[in-house]
């Protein structure tokens, strides 16, 4: 039986996200010189920066190694990255150990099969609307938003609202 995700929101202090299929729609544009390009939502960026400003932890665990992705997220204030991660439960355990974070205060958002093991390790497993069926089946919450189109903002906003950290005192500099 799935947990009632709304009951868990007030305990969340840490967000862990995959990138491709979560921050992006999973598509890759290829330039004539072979560079791989991805598109991210500024609405997701706004929420990430706001969460960091409010004192929440954000960690990125991705199988990808694109330096542009890391630069974009670093620009929002993210400092913890595990790039090229193929067994994502290992970097998640390392991250939680380094910062002494209780897994029951963590939300993980993933969209594909490599995300299933870490999703089973945290309090709240979430996914975008366009995640693969196996991931959606184990998610405590499936966003109404697709990857790359606001699913990150959706879960961050819900947590911050429940905890009283989402208000009207925001700056346009957050995106």
N, C-alpha and C. Protein backbone atom coordinates (compact mmCIF):
# COMPACT_ATOMS: atom_id res chain seq x y z
N UNK A 1 0.84 -1.19 0.00
CA UNK A 1 0.00 0.00 0.00
C UNK A 1 0.88 1.25 0.00
N UNK A 2 0.56 2.19 -0.85
CA UNK A 2 1.34 3.42 -0.94
C UNK A 2 1.09 4.31 0.26
N UNK A 3 2.13 5.05 0.63
CA UNK A 3 2.01 6.01 1.71
C UNK A 3 1.18 7.20 1.24
N UNK A 4 0.51 7.86 2.18
CA UNK A 4 -0.18 9.10 1.86
C UNK A 4 0.88 10.19 1.81
N UNK A 5 1.23 10.59 0.60
CA UNK A 5 2.36 11.50 0.44
C UNK A 5 2.15 12.83 1.15
N UNK A 6 0.91 13.32 1.24
CA UNK A 6 0.68 14.62 1.87
C UNK A 6 1.05 14.61 3.35
N UNK A 7 0.93 13.45 3.99
CA UNK A 7 1.31 13.34 5.39
C UNK A 7 2.82 13.41 5.58
N UNK A 8 3.57 13.10 4.54
CA UNK A 8 5.03 13.07 4.63
C UNK A 8 5.68 14.40 4.30
N UNK A 9 4.96 15.29 3.64
CA UNK A 9 5.56 16.54 3.16
C UNK A 9 6.18 17.38 4.27
N UNK A 10 5.56 17.40 5.45
CA UNK A 10 6.05 18.28 6.52
C UNK A 10 7.39 17.83 7.09
N UNK A 11 7.79 16.60 6.83
CA UNK A 11 9.07 16.10 7.34
C UNK A 11 10.23 16.26 6.36
N UNK A 12 9.95 16.71 5.15
CA UNK A 12 10.97 16.77 4.10
C UNK A 12 11.89 17.98 4.29
N UNK A 13 13.20 17.70 4.29
CA UNK A 13 14.21 18.76 4.35
C UNK A 13 15.20 18.65 3.19
N UNK A 14 15.13 17.54 2.46
CA UNK A 14 16.12 17.25 1.43
C UNK A 14 15.45 16.75 0.16
N UNK A 15 15.87 17.30 -0.96
CA UNK A 15 15.38 16.89 -2.27
C UNK A 15 16.53 16.26 -3.05
N UNK A 16 16.29 15.10 -3.63
CA UNK A 16 17.27 14.45 -4.49
C UNK A 16 16.61 14.24 -5.84
N UNK A 17 17.29 14.68 -6.89
CA UNK A 17 16.72 14.62 -8.23
C UNK A 17 17.65 13.94 -9.22
N UNK A 18 17.06 13.17 -10.12
CA UNK A 18 17.70 12.76 -11.35
C UNK A 18 17.65 13.98 -12.27
N UNK A 19 18.33 13.94 -13.40
CA UNK A 19 18.31 15.08 -14.33
C UNK A 19 17.50 14.76 -15.58
N UNK A 20 18.02 13.85 -16.41
CA UNK A 20 17.35 13.56 -17.69
C UNK A 20 16.01 12.88 -17.44
N UNK A 21 14.95 13.51 -17.92
CA UNK A 21 13.60 13.01 -17.70
C UNK A 21 12.92 13.63 -16.49
N UNK A 22 13.68 14.38 -15.69
CA UNK A 22 13.12 15.08 -14.52
C UNK A 22 13.30 16.59 -14.73
N UNK A 23 14.54 17.06 -14.73
CA UNK A 23 14.79 18.47 -15.05
C UNK A 23 14.63 18.73 -16.55
N UNK A 24 14.77 17.67 -17.35
CA UNK A 24 14.59 17.79 -18.80
C UNK A 24 13.48 16.85 -19.23
N UNK A 25 13.06 16.98 -20.47
CA UNK A 25 12.02 16.06 -20.97
C UNK A 25 12.61 14.75 -21.47
N UNK A 26 13.90 14.58 -21.31
CA UNK A 26 14.56 13.36 -21.74
C UNK A 26 15.07 13.41 -23.16
N UNK A 27 14.76 14.48 -23.87
CA UNK A 27 15.23 14.62 -25.24
C UNK A 27 16.65 15.19 -25.26
N UNK A 28 17.35 14.89 -26.33
CA UNK A 28 18.68 15.44 -26.53
C UNK A 28 18.73 16.04 -27.93
N UNK A 29 19.16 17.28 -28.02
CA UNK A 29 19.41 17.91 -29.32
C UNK A 29 20.89 17.76 -29.61
N UNK A 30 21.22 17.39 -30.82
CA UNK A 30 22.61 17.16 -31.18
C UNK A 30 23.03 18.20 -32.22
N UNK A 31 24.06 18.97 -31.88
CA UNK A 31 24.56 19.99 -32.81
C UNK A 31 25.41 19.32 -33.89
N UNK A 32 25.74 20.07 -34.92
CA UNK A 32 26.54 19.52 -36.02
C UNK A 32 27.93 19.08 -35.59
N UNK A 33 28.42 19.64 -34.47
CA UNK A 33 29.73 19.21 -33.98
C UNK A 33 29.63 18.14 -32.89
N UNK A 34 28.43 17.59 -32.70
CA UNK A 34 28.24 16.48 -31.77
C UNK A 34 27.92 16.87 -30.35
N UNK A 35 27.79 18.15 -30.07
CA UNK A 35 27.45 18.58 -28.72
C UNK A 35 26.00 18.20 -28.41
N UNK A 36 25.77 17.73 -27.18
CA UNK A 36 24.43 17.34 -26.75
C UNK A 36 23.81 18.48 -25.94
N UNK A 37 22.65 18.92 -26.34
CA UNK A 37 21.96 20.02 -25.68
C UNK A 37 20.69 19.53 -25.01
N UNK A 38 20.39 20.12 -23.84
CA UNK A 38 19.16 19.80 -23.12
C UNK A 38 18.45 21.10 -22.77
N UNK A 39 17.15 21.00 -22.58
CA UNK A 39 16.33 22.16 -22.23
C UNK A 39 15.78 21.94 -20.82
N UNK A 40 15.87 23.00 -19.98
CA UNK A 40 15.34 22.95 -18.62
C UNK A 40 14.36 24.08 -18.41
N UNK A 41 13.41 23.88 -17.52
CA UNK A 41 12.39 24.88 -17.21
C UNK A 41 12.92 25.90 -16.21
N UNK A 42 12.72 27.19 -16.49
CA UNK A 42 13.10 28.22 -15.52
C UNK A 42 12.20 28.16 -14.29
N UNK A 43 11.00 27.63 -14.44
CA UNK A 43 10.11 27.47 -13.27
C UNK A 43 10.70 26.47 -12.28
N UNK A 44 11.27 25.39 -12.80
CA UNK A 44 11.97 24.45 -11.92
C UNK A 44 13.17 25.13 -11.27
N UNK A 45 13.91 25.92 -12.06
CA UNK A 45 15.06 26.63 -11.53
C UNK A 45 14.69 27.58 -10.42
N UNK A 46 13.59 28.28 -10.59
CA UNK A 46 13.11 29.21 -9.57
C UNK A 46 12.85 28.48 -8.26
N UNK A 47 12.19 27.33 -8.36
CA UNK A 47 11.87 26.56 -7.15
C UNK A 47 13.13 26.02 -6.49
N UNK A 48 14.09 25.55 -7.26
CA UNK A 48 15.34 25.04 -6.71
C UNK A 48 16.06 26.14 -5.94
N UNK A 49 16.20 27.29 -6.56
CA UNK A 49 16.91 28.40 -5.91
C UNK A 49 16.18 28.85 -4.65
N UNK A 50 14.87 28.89 -4.71
CA UNK A 50 14.07 29.27 -3.54
C UNK A 50 14.27 28.27 -2.41
N UNK A 51 14.22 26.99 -2.72
CA UNK A 51 14.40 25.96 -1.68
C UNK A 51 15.77 26.09 -1.03
N UNK A 52 16.79 26.32 -1.82
CA UNK A 52 18.14 26.48 -1.27
C UNK A 52 18.21 27.71 -0.38
N UNK A 53 17.61 28.82 -0.83
CA UNK A 53 17.60 30.04 -0.02
C UNK A 53 16.86 29.83 1.30
N UNK A 54 15.89 28.94 1.31
CA UNK A 54 15.12 28.66 2.53
C UNK A 54 15.79 27.60 3.41
N UNK A 55 16.95 27.09 2.99
CA UNK A 55 17.71 26.17 3.83
C UNK A 55 17.53 24.69 3.54
N UNK A 56 16.87 24.35 2.47
CA UNK A 56 16.69 22.94 2.11
C UNK A 56 17.94 22.42 1.40
N UNK A 57 18.16 21.12 1.51
CA UNK A 57 19.27 20.46 0.83
C UNK A 57 18.79 19.96 -0.53
N UNK A 58 19.64 20.12 -1.54
CA UNK A 58 19.33 19.59 -2.86
C UNK A 58 20.55 18.85 -3.39
N UNK A 59 20.32 17.63 -3.83
CA UNK A 59 21.38 16.79 -4.38
C UNK A 59 20.94 16.28 -5.75
N UNK A 60 21.88 16.21 -6.66
CA UNK A 60 21.64 15.70 -8.01
C UNK A 60 22.38 14.38 -8.16
N UNK A 61 21.65 13.34 -8.56
CA UNK A 61 22.25 12.05 -8.86
C UNK A 61 21.80 11.67 -10.27
N UNK A 62 22.75 11.64 -11.19
CA UNK A 62 22.41 11.40 -12.59
C UNK A 62 23.42 10.48 -13.27
N UNK A 63 22.93 9.74 -14.21
CA UNK A 63 23.82 8.92 -15.02
C UNK A 63 24.56 9.74 -16.05
N UNK A 64 24.08 10.94 -16.30
CA UNK A 64 24.69 11.81 -17.30
C UNK A 64 25.95 12.49 -16.81
N UNK A 65 26.70 13.01 -17.75
CA UNK A 65 27.96 13.69 -17.42
C UNK A 65 28.08 15.04 -18.11
N UNK A 66 26.99 15.58 -18.61
CA UNK A 66 27.02 16.82 -19.37
C UNK A 66 27.44 17.99 -18.48
N UNK A 67 28.56 18.66 -18.81
CA UNK A 67 29.03 19.78 -17.97
C UNK A 67 28.06 20.96 -17.97
N UNK A 68 27.31 21.15 -19.04
CA UNK A 68 26.34 22.24 -19.08
C UNK A 68 25.23 22.08 -18.07
N UNK A 69 24.81 20.85 -17.84
CA UNK A 69 23.79 20.56 -16.84
C UNK A 69 24.30 20.96 -15.46
N UNK A 70 25.52 20.55 -15.16
CA UNK A 70 26.10 20.87 -13.85
C UNK A 70 26.24 22.38 -13.68
N UNK A 71 26.68 23.07 -14.71
CA UNK A 71 26.85 24.53 -14.63
C UNK A 71 25.52 25.22 -14.38
N UNK A 72 24.48 24.80 -15.07
CA UNK A 72 23.15 25.39 -14.87
C UNK A 72 22.71 25.23 -13.42
N UNK A 73 22.84 24.02 -12.89
CA UNK A 73 22.37 23.76 -11.53
C UNK A 73 23.28 24.41 -10.49
N UNK A 74 24.58 24.48 -10.75
CA UNK A 74 25.48 25.21 -9.86
C UNK A 74 25.08 26.67 -9.81
N UNK A 75 24.67 27.22 -10.94
CA UNK A 75 24.23 28.61 -11.00
C UNK A 75 23.00 28.88 -10.15
N UNK A 76 22.25 27.84 -9.86
CA UNK A 76 21.07 27.97 -9.00
C UNK A 76 21.42 27.76 -7.53
N UNK A 77 22.66 27.35 -7.25
CA UNK A 77 23.09 27.15 -5.88
C UNK A 77 23.27 25.70 -5.46
N UNK A 78 23.03 24.76 -6.36
CA UNK A 78 23.23 23.34 -6.03
C UNK A 78 24.73 23.08 -5.91
N UNK A 79 25.12 22.38 -4.85
CA UNK A 79 26.54 22.10 -4.62
C UNK A 79 26.86 20.60 -4.60
N UNK A 80 25.85 19.77 -4.50
CA UNK A 80 26.08 18.33 -4.37
C UNK A 80 25.64 17.60 -5.63
N UNK A 81 26.62 17.03 -6.33
CA UNK A 81 26.39 16.35 -7.60
C UNK A 81 27.05 14.98 -7.60
N UNK A 82 26.34 14.03 -8.13
CA UNK A 82 26.90 12.72 -8.43
C UNK A 82 26.60 12.48 -9.90
N UNK A 83 27.59 12.76 -10.73
CA UNK A 83 27.44 12.64 -12.19
C UNK A 83 27.99 11.28 -12.62
N UNK A 84 27.43 10.73 -13.68
CA UNK A 84 27.89 9.43 -14.18
C UNK A 84 27.54 8.29 -13.25
N UNK A 85 26.50 8.47 -12.44
CA UNK A 85 26.10 7.44 -11.46
C UNK A 85 25.22 6.40 -12.14
N UNK A 86 25.67 5.15 -12.13
CA UNK A 86 24.90 4.09 -12.76
C UNK A 86 24.15 3.24 -11.75
N UNK A 87 24.63 3.17 -10.53
CA UNK A 87 23.94 2.50 -9.43
C UNK A 87 23.63 3.60 -8.42
N UNK A 88 22.51 4.24 -8.59
CA UNK A 88 22.22 5.50 -7.89
C UNK A 88 22.01 5.35 -6.39
N UNK A 89 21.76 4.14 -5.92
CA UNK A 89 21.60 3.95 -4.48
C UNK A 89 22.92 4.18 -3.74
N UNK A 90 24.05 3.91 -4.39
CA UNK A 90 25.35 4.09 -3.74
C UNK A 90 25.65 5.57 -3.47
N UNK A 91 25.53 6.46 -4.46
CA UNK A 91 25.76 7.88 -4.14
C UNK A 91 24.71 8.45 -3.19
N UNK A 92 23.49 7.94 -3.24
CA UNK A 92 22.48 8.43 -2.29
C UNK A 92 22.90 8.08 -0.87
N UNK A 93 23.32 6.84 -0.65
CA UNK A 93 23.76 6.44 0.69
C UNK A 93 24.95 7.28 1.13
N UNK A 94 25.91 7.50 0.23
CA UNK A 94 27.08 8.32 0.56
C UNK A 94 26.66 9.74 0.94
N UNK A 95 25.79 10.34 0.16
CA UNK A 95 25.32 11.71 0.43
C UNK A 95 24.64 11.79 1.80
N UNK A 96 23.75 10.85 2.08
CA UNK A 96 23.05 10.86 3.37
C UNK A 96 24.03 10.68 4.52
N UNK A 97 25.03 9.81 4.34
CA UNK A 97 26.03 9.59 5.39
C UNK A 97 26.90 10.83 5.61
N UNK A 98 27.36 11.45 4.53
CA UNK A 98 28.24 12.63 4.65
C UNK A 98 27.56 13.73 5.46
N UNK A 99 26.30 13.98 5.20
CA UNK A 99 25.59 15.08 5.85
C UNK A 99 24.71 14.63 7.02
N UNK A 100 24.80 13.37 7.40
CA UNK A 100 23.98 12.81 8.49
C UNK A 100 22.50 13.14 8.31
N UNK A 101 22.00 12.88 7.11
CA UNK A 101 20.60 13.14 6.78
C UNK A 101 19.80 11.85 6.96
N UNK A 102 18.70 11.94 7.68
CA UNK A 102 17.80 10.81 7.87
C UNK A 102 17.02 10.58 6.58
N UNK A 103 17.03 9.38 6.08
CA UNK A 103 16.34 9.08 4.82
C UNK A 103 14.84 9.38 4.90
N UNK A 104 14.30 9.45 6.11
CA UNK A 104 12.87 9.74 6.27
C UNK A 104 12.55 11.23 6.12
N UNK A 105 13.58 12.03 5.82
CA UNK A 105 13.36 13.45 5.54
C UNK A 105 13.66 13.78 4.08
N UNK A 106 13.74 12.74 3.25
CA UNK A 106 14.19 12.90 1.86
C UNK A 106 13.07 12.56 0.88
N UNK A 107 12.97 13.41 -0.16
CA UNK A 107 12.14 13.10 -1.33
C UNK A 107 13.10 12.87 -2.50
N UNK A 108 12.82 11.83 -3.28
CA UNK A 108 13.61 11.53 -4.47
C UNK A 108 12.67 11.57 -5.66
N UNK A 109 13.08 12.27 -6.72
CA UNK A 109 12.29 12.27 -7.95
C UNK A 109 13.12 11.67 -9.07
N UNK A 110 12.56 10.61 -9.67
CA UNK A 110 13.21 9.94 -10.78
C UNK A 110 12.19 9.53 -11.82
N UNK A 111 12.67 9.15 -12.99
CA UNK A 111 11.74 8.83 -14.08
C UNK A 111 11.98 7.50 -14.77
N UNK A 112 13.10 6.82 -14.46
CA UNK A 112 13.41 5.61 -15.22
C UNK A 112 13.95 4.52 -14.30
N UNK A 113 14.17 3.35 -14.85
CA UNK A 113 14.51 2.16 -14.06
C UNK A 113 15.69 2.34 -13.11
N UNK A 114 16.79 3.03 -13.47
CA UNK A 114 17.89 3.20 -12.51
C UNK A 114 17.50 4.00 -11.27
N UNK A 115 16.37 4.68 -11.31
CA UNK A 115 15.92 5.47 -10.15
C UNK A 115 15.16 4.63 -9.12
N UNK A 116 14.75 3.44 -9.48
CA UNK A 116 13.93 2.64 -8.56
C UNK A 116 14.66 2.31 -7.26
N UNK A 117 15.90 1.80 -7.27
CA UNK A 117 16.55 1.49 -5.99
C UNK A 117 16.64 2.68 -5.03
N UNK A 118 17.10 3.87 -5.47
CA UNK A 118 17.13 4.98 -4.51
C UNK A 118 15.73 5.45 -4.09
N UNK A 119 14.75 5.32 -4.97
CA UNK A 119 13.39 5.71 -4.60
C UNK A 119 12.87 4.87 -3.45
N UNK A 120 13.33 3.63 -3.36
CA UNK A 120 12.90 2.73 -2.28
C UNK A 120 13.61 3.01 -0.96
N UNK A 121 14.61 3.90 -0.98
CA UNK A 121 15.41 4.19 0.21
C UNK A 121 14.94 5.43 0.97
N UNK A 122 13.98 6.17 0.44
CA UNK A 122 13.63 7.47 1.02
C UNK A 122 12.18 7.50 1.50
N UNK A 123 11.84 8.56 2.21
CA UNK A 123 10.49 8.71 2.74
C UNK A 123 9.46 8.88 1.64
N UNK A 124 9.81 9.66 0.61
CA UNK A 124 8.84 10.03 -0.41
C UNK A 124 9.43 9.84 -1.80
N UNK A 125 8.92 8.84 -2.51
CA UNK A 125 9.34 8.56 -3.88
C UNK A 125 8.38 9.25 -4.83
N UNK A 126 8.93 10.08 -5.73
CA UNK A 126 8.08 10.85 -6.64
C UNK A 126 8.60 10.71 -8.07
N UNK A 127 7.72 11.03 -9.02
CA UNK A 127 8.10 10.95 -10.42
C UNK A 127 7.32 11.95 -11.24
N UNK A 128 7.85 12.32 -12.41
CA UNK A 128 7.09 13.15 -13.33
C UNK A 128 5.97 12.34 -13.97
N UNK A 129 5.02 13.03 -14.56
CA UNK A 129 3.89 12.38 -15.22
C UNK A 129 4.35 11.43 -16.33
N UNK A 130 5.43 11.78 -17.02
CA UNK A 130 5.87 10.96 -18.15
C UNK A 130 6.97 9.97 -17.79
N UNK A 131 7.06 9.59 -16.52
CA UNK A 131 8.00 8.55 -16.10
C UNK A 131 7.57 7.20 -16.68
N UNK A 132 8.49 6.25 -16.70
CA UNK A 132 8.15 4.91 -17.18
C UNK A 132 7.18 4.26 -16.19
N UNK A 133 6.34 3.33 -16.67
CA UNK A 133 5.31 2.73 -15.81
C UNK A 133 5.85 2.09 -14.53
N UNK A 134 7.01 1.47 -14.60
CA UNK A 134 7.57 0.81 -13.41
C UNK A 134 7.89 1.82 -12.32
N UNK A 135 8.34 2.99 -12.70
CA UNK A 135 8.66 4.04 -11.72
C UNK A 135 7.38 4.64 -11.16
N UNK A 136 6.42 4.90 -12.02
CA UNK A 136 5.15 5.44 -11.55
C UNK A 136 4.47 4.47 -10.58
N UNK A 137 4.64 3.17 -10.82
CA UNK A 137 4.00 2.16 -9.97
C UNK A 137 4.52 2.18 -8.54
N UNK A 138 5.78 2.57 -8.34
CA UNK A 138 6.33 2.60 -6.98
C UNK A 138 6.36 4.01 -6.39
N UNK A 139 5.92 4.99 -7.14
CA UNK A 139 5.94 6.38 -6.65
C UNK A 139 4.82 6.62 -5.65
N UNK A 140 5.17 7.31 -4.57
CA UNK A 140 4.15 7.74 -3.61
C UNK A 140 3.36 8.91 -4.18
N UNK A 141 4.00 9.65 -5.09
CA UNK A 141 3.35 10.78 -5.75
C UNK A 141 3.85 10.87 -7.18
N UNK A 142 2.91 10.95 -8.12
CA UNK A 142 3.24 11.19 -9.53
C UNK A 142 2.76 12.60 -9.85
N UNK A 143 3.70 13.46 -10.21
CA UNK A 143 3.36 14.84 -10.53
C UNK A 143 2.41 14.90 -11.72
N UNK A 144 1.60 15.93 -11.76
CA UNK A 144 0.75 16.17 -12.92
C UNK A 144 1.56 16.85 -14.04
N UNK A 145 2.81 17.17 -13.74
CA UNK A 145 3.71 17.83 -14.70
C UNK A 145 4.72 16.82 -15.25
N UNK A 146 5.08 16.98 -16.51
CA UNK A 146 6.09 16.14 -17.14
C UNK A 146 7.50 16.59 -16.76
N UNK A 147 8.46 15.71 -16.99
CA UNK A 147 9.86 16.07 -16.84
C UNK A 147 10.20 17.22 -17.77
N UNK A 148 10.96 18.19 -17.25
CA UNK A 148 11.34 19.35 -18.04
C UNK A 148 10.25 20.39 -18.17
N UNK A 149 9.12 20.14 -17.52
CA UNK A 149 7.97 21.05 -17.66
C UNK A 149 7.31 21.34 -16.32
N UNK A 150 8.11 21.43 -15.25
CA UNK A 150 7.57 21.87 -13.98
C UNK A 150 7.38 20.82 -12.90
N UNK A 151 7.79 19.58 -13.13
CA UNK A 151 7.60 18.56 -12.09
C UNK A 151 8.47 18.82 -10.87
N UNK A 152 9.66 19.38 -11.08
CA UNK A 152 10.55 19.72 -9.96
C UNK A 152 9.90 20.82 -9.13
N UNK A 153 9.42 21.84 -9.78
CA UNK A 153 8.73 22.94 -9.09
C UNK A 153 7.53 22.40 -8.33
N UNK A 154 6.78 21.49 -8.93
CA UNK A 154 5.58 20.93 -8.31
C UNK A 154 5.89 20.35 -6.93
N UNK A 155 6.88 19.47 -6.83
CA UNK A 155 7.14 18.83 -5.54
C UNK A 155 7.81 19.80 -4.56
N UNK A 156 8.70 20.65 -5.04
CA UNK A 156 9.33 21.63 -4.15
C UNK A 156 8.27 22.57 -3.59
N UNK A 157 7.42 23.09 -4.44
CA UNK A 157 6.39 24.03 -3.99
C UNK A 157 5.46 23.38 -2.96
N UNK A 158 5.08 22.13 -3.18
CA UNK A 158 4.20 21.46 -2.22
C UNK A 158 4.86 21.34 -0.85
N UNK A 159 6.13 20.93 -0.83
CA UNK A 159 6.83 20.80 0.45
C UNK A 159 6.96 22.16 1.13
N UNK A 160 7.41 23.16 0.40
CA UNK A 160 7.60 24.48 1.00
C UNK A 160 6.29 25.08 1.49
N UNK A 161 5.20 24.86 0.79
CA UNK A 161 3.90 25.38 1.24
C UNK A 161 3.48 24.72 2.55
N UNK A 162 3.62 23.40 2.64
CA UNK A 162 3.23 22.69 3.85
C UNK A 162 4.07 23.14 5.04
N UNK A 163 5.33 23.43 4.80
CA UNK A 163 6.24 23.83 5.87
C UNK A 163 6.25 25.35 6.11
N UNK A 164 5.40 26.09 5.41
CA UNK A 164 5.30 27.53 5.61
C UNK A 164 6.44 28.33 5.01
N UNK A 165 7.15 27.74 4.05
CA UNK A 165 8.29 28.40 3.44
C UNK A 165 8.03 28.92 2.03
N UNK A 166 6.82 28.81 1.56
CA UNK A 166 6.47 29.31 0.22
C UNK A 166 5.58 30.51 0.43
N UNK A 167 6.07 31.69 0.07
CA UNK A 167 5.29 32.90 0.29
C UNK A 167 5.48 33.86 -0.87
N UNK A 168 5.02 35.06 -0.70
CA UNK A 168 5.08 36.04 -1.79
C UNK A 168 6.34 36.90 -1.77
N UNK A 169 7.26 36.62 -0.88
CA UNK A 169 8.46 37.45 -0.76
C UNK A 169 9.61 36.90 -1.61
N UNK A 170 9.34 36.68 -2.88
CA UNK A 170 10.33 36.11 -3.77
C UNK A 170 10.94 37.17 -4.66
N UNK A 171 12.10 36.87 -5.16
CA UNK A 171 12.82 37.77 -6.05
C UNK A 171 12.82 37.21 -7.46
N UNK A 172 12.73 38.09 -8.43
CA UNK A 172 12.81 37.66 -9.83
C UNK A 172 14.20 37.12 -10.17
N UNK A 173 15.15 37.28 -9.27
CA UNK A 173 16.51 36.80 -9.51
C UNK A 173 16.64 35.30 -9.27
N UNK A 174 15.55 34.64 -8.92
CA UNK A 174 15.63 33.23 -8.57
C UNK A 174 15.67 32.27 -9.74
N UNK A 175 15.46 32.73 -10.96
CA UNK A 175 15.43 31.76 -12.05
C UNK A 175 16.74 31.69 -12.79
